[in-house]
C-alpha atoms as a PDB file:
ATOM      1  CA  UNK A   1     123.330  99.308  92.853  1.00  0.00           C
ATOM      2  CA  UNK A   2     125.855  97.903  95.305  1.00  0.00           C
ATOM      3  CA  UNK A   3     127.434  99.999  97.998  1.00  0.00           C
ATOM      4  CA  UNK A   4     130.821 101.195  96.689  1.00  0.00           C
ATOM      5  CA  UNK A   5     132.675  99.857  99.736  1.00  0.00           C
ATOM      6  CA  UNK A   6     131.092  96.440  99.184  1.00  0.00           C
ATOM      7  CA  UNK A   7     132.700  95.946  95.770  1.00  0.00           C
ATOM      8  CA  UNK A   8     135.749  93.789  95.346  1.00  0.00           C
ATOM      9  CA  UNK A   9     138.836  95.725  94.154  1.00  0.00           C
ATOM     10  CA  UNK A  10     138.535  94.612  90.513  1.00  0.00           C
ATOM     11  CA  UNK A  11     134.906  95.718  90.277  1.00  0.00           C
ATOM     12  CA  UNK A  12     135.729  99.030  91.958  1.00  0.00           C
ATOM     13  CA  UNK A  13     138.414  99.733  89.342  1.00  0.00           C
ATOM     14  CA  UNK A  14     136.030  98.842  86.494  1.00  0.00           C
ATOM     15  CA  UNK A  15     133.275 101.016  87.959  1.00  0.00           C
ATOM     16  CA  UNK A  16     135.634 103.953  88.295  1.00  0.00           C
ATOM     17  CA  UNK A  17     136.771 103.491  84.676  1.00  0.00           C
ATOM     18  CA  UNK A  18     133.188 103.374  83.350  1.00  0.00           C
ATOM     19  CA  UNK A  19     132.123 106.398  85.378  1.00  0.00           C
ATOM     20  CA  UNK A  20     135.230 108.261  84.209  1.00  0.00           C
ATOM     21  CA  UNK A  21     134.304 107.718  80.554  1.00  0.00           C
ATOM     22  CA  UNK A  22     130.697 108.862  80.866  1.00  0.00           C
ATOM     23  CA  UNK A  23     130.049 112.084  82.815  1.00  0.00           C
ATOM     24  CA  UNK A  24     126.266 111.619  82.586  1.00  0.00           C
ATOM     25  CA  UNK A  25     126.483 108.183  84.164  1.00  0.00           C
ATOM     26  CA  UNK A  26     128.813 109.542  86.829  1.00  0.00           C
ATOM     27  CA  UNK A  27     126.314 112.311  87.668  1.00  0.00           C
ATOM     28  CA  UNK A  28     123.456 109.816  87.757  1.00  0.00           C
ATOM     29  CA  UNK A  29     125.410 107.464  90.047  1.00  0.00           C
ATOM     30  CA  UNK A  30     126.097 110.372  92.390  1.00  0.00           C
ATOM     31  CA  UNK A  31     122.401 111.231  92.640  1.00  0.00           C
ATOM     32  CA  UNK A  32     121.505 107.578  93.212  1.00  0.00           C
ATOM     33  CA  UNK A  33     124.101 107.364  95.994  1.00  0.00           C
ATOM     34  CA  UNK A  34     122.721 110.546  97.597  1.00  0.00           C
ATOM     35  CA  UNK A  35     119.167 109.211  97.469  1.00  0.00           C
ATOM     36  CA  UNK A  36     120.293 105.879  98.931  1.00  0.00           C
ATOM     37  CA  UNK A  37     122.038 107.803 101.718  1.00  0.00           C
ATOM     38  CA  UNK A  38     118.767 109.616 102.479  1.00  0.00           C
ATOM     39  CA  UNK A  39     116.909 106.300 102.597  1.00  0.00           C
ATOM     40  CA  UNK A  40     119.418 104.467 104.800  1.00  0.00           C
ATOM     41  CA  UNK A  41     119.895 107.290 107.299  1.00  0.00           C
ATOM     42  CA  UNK A  42     116.261 108.504 107.318  1.00  0.00           C
ATOM     43  CA  UNK A  43     117.151 111.989 106.074  1.00  0.00           C
ATOM     44  CA  UNK A  44     113.813 113.080 104.629  1.00  0.00           C
ATOM     45  CA  UNK A  45     114.659 116.690 105.433  1.00  0.00           C
ATOM     46  CA  UNK A  46     117.172 116.600 102.531  1.00  0.00           C
ATOM     47  CA  UNK A  47     114.529 115.723  99.918  1.00  0.00           C
ATOM     48  CA  UNK A  48     114.002 119.294  98.647  1.00  0.00           C
ATOM     49  CA  UNK A  49     117.729 119.765  98.158  1.00  0.00           C
ATOM     50  CA  UNK A  50     117.988 116.431  96.289  1.00  0.00           C
ATOM     51  CA  UNK A  51     114.982 117.215  94.081  1.00  0.00           C
ATOM     52  CA  UNK A  52     116.457 120.589  93.098  1.00  0.00           C
ATOM     53  CA  UNK A  53     119.829 119.040  92.256  1.00  0.00           C
ATOM     54  CA  UNK A  54     118.249 116.163  90.307  1.00  0.00           C
ATOM     55  CA  UNK A  55     115.959 118.497  88.355  1.00  0.00           C
ATOM     56  CA  UNK A  56     118.923 120.661  87.353  1.00  0.00           C
ATOM     57  CA  UNK A  57     120.669 117.768  85.590  1.00  0.00           C
ATOM     58  CA  UNK A  58     120.266 117.343  81.817  1.00  0.00           C
ATOM     59  CA  UNK A  59     119.213 113.703  82.325  1.00  0.00           C
ATOM     60  CA  UNK A  60     115.591 113.120  81.219  1.00  0.00           C
ATOM     61  CA  UNK A  61     115.067 109.958  83.297  1.00  0.00           C
ATOM     62  CA  UNK A  62     116.371 111.609  86.471  1.00  0.00           C
ATOM     63  CA  UNK A  63     114.249 114.715  85.868  1.00  0.00           C
ATOM     64  CA  UNK A  64     111.215 112.487  85.340  1.00  0.00           C
ATOM     65  CA  UNK A  65     111.895 110.704  88.636  1.00  0.00           C
ATOM     66  CA  UNK A  66     112.264 114.025  90.447  1.00  0.00           C
ATOM     67  CA  UNK A  67     108.997 115.278  88.923  1.00  0.00           C
ATOM     68  CA  UNK A  68     107.207 112.097  89.958  1.00  0.00           C
ATOM     69  CA  UNK A  69     108.510 112.327  93.522  1.00  0.00           C
ATOM     70  CA  UNK A  70     107.460 115.992  93.653  1.00  0.00           C
ATOM     71  CA  UNK A  71     103.853 115.064  92.890  1.00  0.00           C
ATOM     72  CA  UNK A  72     103.639 113.170  96.177  1.00  0.00           C
ATOM     73  CA  UNK A  73     106.190 115.238  98.063  1.00  0.00           C
ATOM     74  CA  UNK A  74     104.804 114.900 101.582  1.00  0.00           C
ATOM     75  CA  UNK A  75     104.416 111.120 101.365  1.00  0.00           C
ATOM     76  CA  UNK A  76     107.941 110.683  99.982  1.00  0.00           C
ATOM     77  CA  UNK A  77     109.384 112.961 102.648  1.00  0.00           C
ATOM     78  CA  UNK A  78     107.540 111.048 105.370  1.00  0.00           C
ATOM     79  CA  UNK A  79     108.682 107.728 103.904  1.00  0.00           C
ATOM     80  CA  UNK A  80     112.282 108.881 103.929  1.00  0.00           C
ATOM     81  CA  UNK A  81     112.181 110.428 107.373  1.00  0.00           C
ATOM     82  CA  UNK A  82     109.855 108.394 109.570  1.00  0.00           C
ATOM     83  CA  UNK A  83     110.913 105.136 111.222  1.00  0.00           C
ATOM     84  CA  UNK A  84     107.613 103.468 110.308  1.00  0.00           C
ATOM     85  CA  UNK A  85     107.477 101.056 107.410  1.00  0.00           C
ATOM     86  CA  UNK A  86     104.847  99.283 105.373  1.00  0.00           C
ATOM     87  CA  UNK A  87     106.248  95.803 106.005  1.00  0.00           C
ATOM     88  CA  UNK A  88     103.211  94.564 107.926  1.00  0.00           C
ATOM     89  CA  UNK A  89     100.845  95.737 105.194  1.00  0.00           C
ATOM     90  CA  UNK A  90     103.020  94.181 102.487  1.00  0.00           C
ATOM     91  CA  UNK A  91     103.043  90.903 104.424  1.00  0.00           C
ATOM     92  CA  UNK A  92      99.247  90.902 104.630  1.00  0.00           C
ATOM     93  CA  UNK A  93      98.927  91.655 100.913  1.00  0.00           C
ATOM     94  CA  UNK A  94     101.347  88.816 100.153  1.00  0.00           C
ATOM     95  CA  UNK A  95      99.327  86.427 102.326  1.00  0.00           C
ATOM     96  CA  UNK A  96      96.064  87.382 100.582  1.00  0.00           C
ATOM     97  CA  UNK A  97      97.680  86.842  97.177  1.00  0.00           C
ATOM     98  CA  UNK A  98      98.888  83.424  98.283  1.00  0.00           C
ATOM     99  CA  UNK A  99      95.380  82.492  99.481  1.00  0.00           C
ATOM    100  CA  UNK A 100      93.912  83.712  96.215  1.00  0.00           C
ATOM    101  CA  UNK A 101      96.350  81.596  94.195  1.00  0.00           C
ATOM    102  CA  UNK A 102      95.646  78.490  96.276  1.00  0.00           C
ATOM    103  CA  UNK A 103      91.901  78.943  95.849  1.00  0.00           C
ATOM    104  CA  UNK A 104      91.996  79.748  92.119  1.00  0.00           C
ATOM    105  CA  UNK A 105      89.314  77.803  90.281  1.00  0.00           C
ATOM    106  CA  UNK A 106      88.012  76.176  93.454  1.00  0.00           C
ATOM    107  CA  UNK A 107      85.972  78.826  95.183  1.00  0.00           C
ATOM    108  CA  UNK A 108      84.395  82.200  94.661  1.00  0.00           C
ATOM    109  CA  UNK A 109      85.017  85.630  96.129  1.00  0.00           C
ATOM    110  CA  UNK A 110      82.724  85.006  99.100  1.00  0.00           C
ATOM    111  CA  UNK A 111      84.937  82.227 100.471  1.00  0.00           C
ATOM    112  CA  UNK A 112      88.066  84.329  99.901  1.00  0.00           C
ATOM    113  CA  UNK A 113      86.437  87.175 101.829  1.00  0.00           C
ATOM    114  CA  UNK A 114      85.630  84.833 104.719  1.00  0.00           C
ATOM    115  CA  UNK A 115      89.162  83.421 104.790  1.00  0.00           C
ATOM    116  CA  UNK A 116      90.689  86.918 104.792  1.00  0.00           C
ATOM    117  CA  UNK A 117      88.352  88.556 107.303  1.00  0.00           C
ATOM    118  CA  UNK A 118      88.000  85.571 109.621  1.00  0.00           C
ATOM    119  CA  UNK A 119      91.354  83.751 109.574  1.00  0.00           C
ATOM    120  CA  UNK A 120      90.680  81.815 112.787  1.00  0.00           C
ATOM    121  CA  UNK A 121      87.371  80.498 111.456  1.00  0.00           C
ATOM    122  CA  UNK A 122      89.033  79.521 108.198  1.00  0.00           C
ATOM    123  CA  UNK A 123      91.646  77.409 109.971  1.00  0.00           C
ATOM    124  CA  UNK A 124      89.144  75.894 112.446  1.00  0.00           C
ATOM    125  CA  UNK A 125      86.696  74.724 109.806  1.00  0.00           C
ATOM    126  CA  UNK A 126      89.392  72.767 107.952  1.00  0.00           C
ATOM    127  CA  UNK A 127      90.576  70.726 110.924  1.00  0.00           C
ATOM    128  CA  UNK A 128      90.052  67.029 110.471  1.00  0.00           C
ATOM    129  CA  UNK A 129      90.404  65.968 114.097  1.00  0.00           C
ATOM    130  CA  UNK A 130      87.235  64.663 115.606  1.00  0.00           C
ATOM    131  CA  UNK A 131      86.359  65.184 119.185  1.00  0.00           C
ATOM    132  CA  UNK A 132      86.546  61.983 121.191  1.00  0.00           C
ATOM    133  CA  UNK A 133      83.990  61.561 123.947  1.00  0.00           C
ATOM    134  CA  UNK A 134      85.457  61.600 127.408  1.00  0.00           C
ATOM    135  CA  UNK A 135      85.449  58.305 129.282  1.00  0.00           C
ATOM    136  CA  UNK A 136      82.812  57.897 131.972  1.00  0.00           C
END
């Protein structure tokens, strides 16, 4: 969902018309905007208020989302409120997946384990430069 101020005027008019015709969609868009606001501004302290408002709506998908977030309440609240992210972990997972794809059909799990746990060794053992003896 795009930020409402980022829409060009024609799209803003169309969005307003669609939301005006469907009160359920308008309510859903409001809850999505509120949740996005919590994410952007790190307002995890507002999670309980948002969950109560979302659960009160007669929208099954929104109620299901609120129920799912409630099951892991503390983690969701921390994710919304703390400045820490999981970007480094996601980058490592992406790198391991890339290695796994490159090695598919060529090697077994033992070599993958070595390349993941010992990245410097993995790059050193594939160098093709030979050491040249020093002149006397």
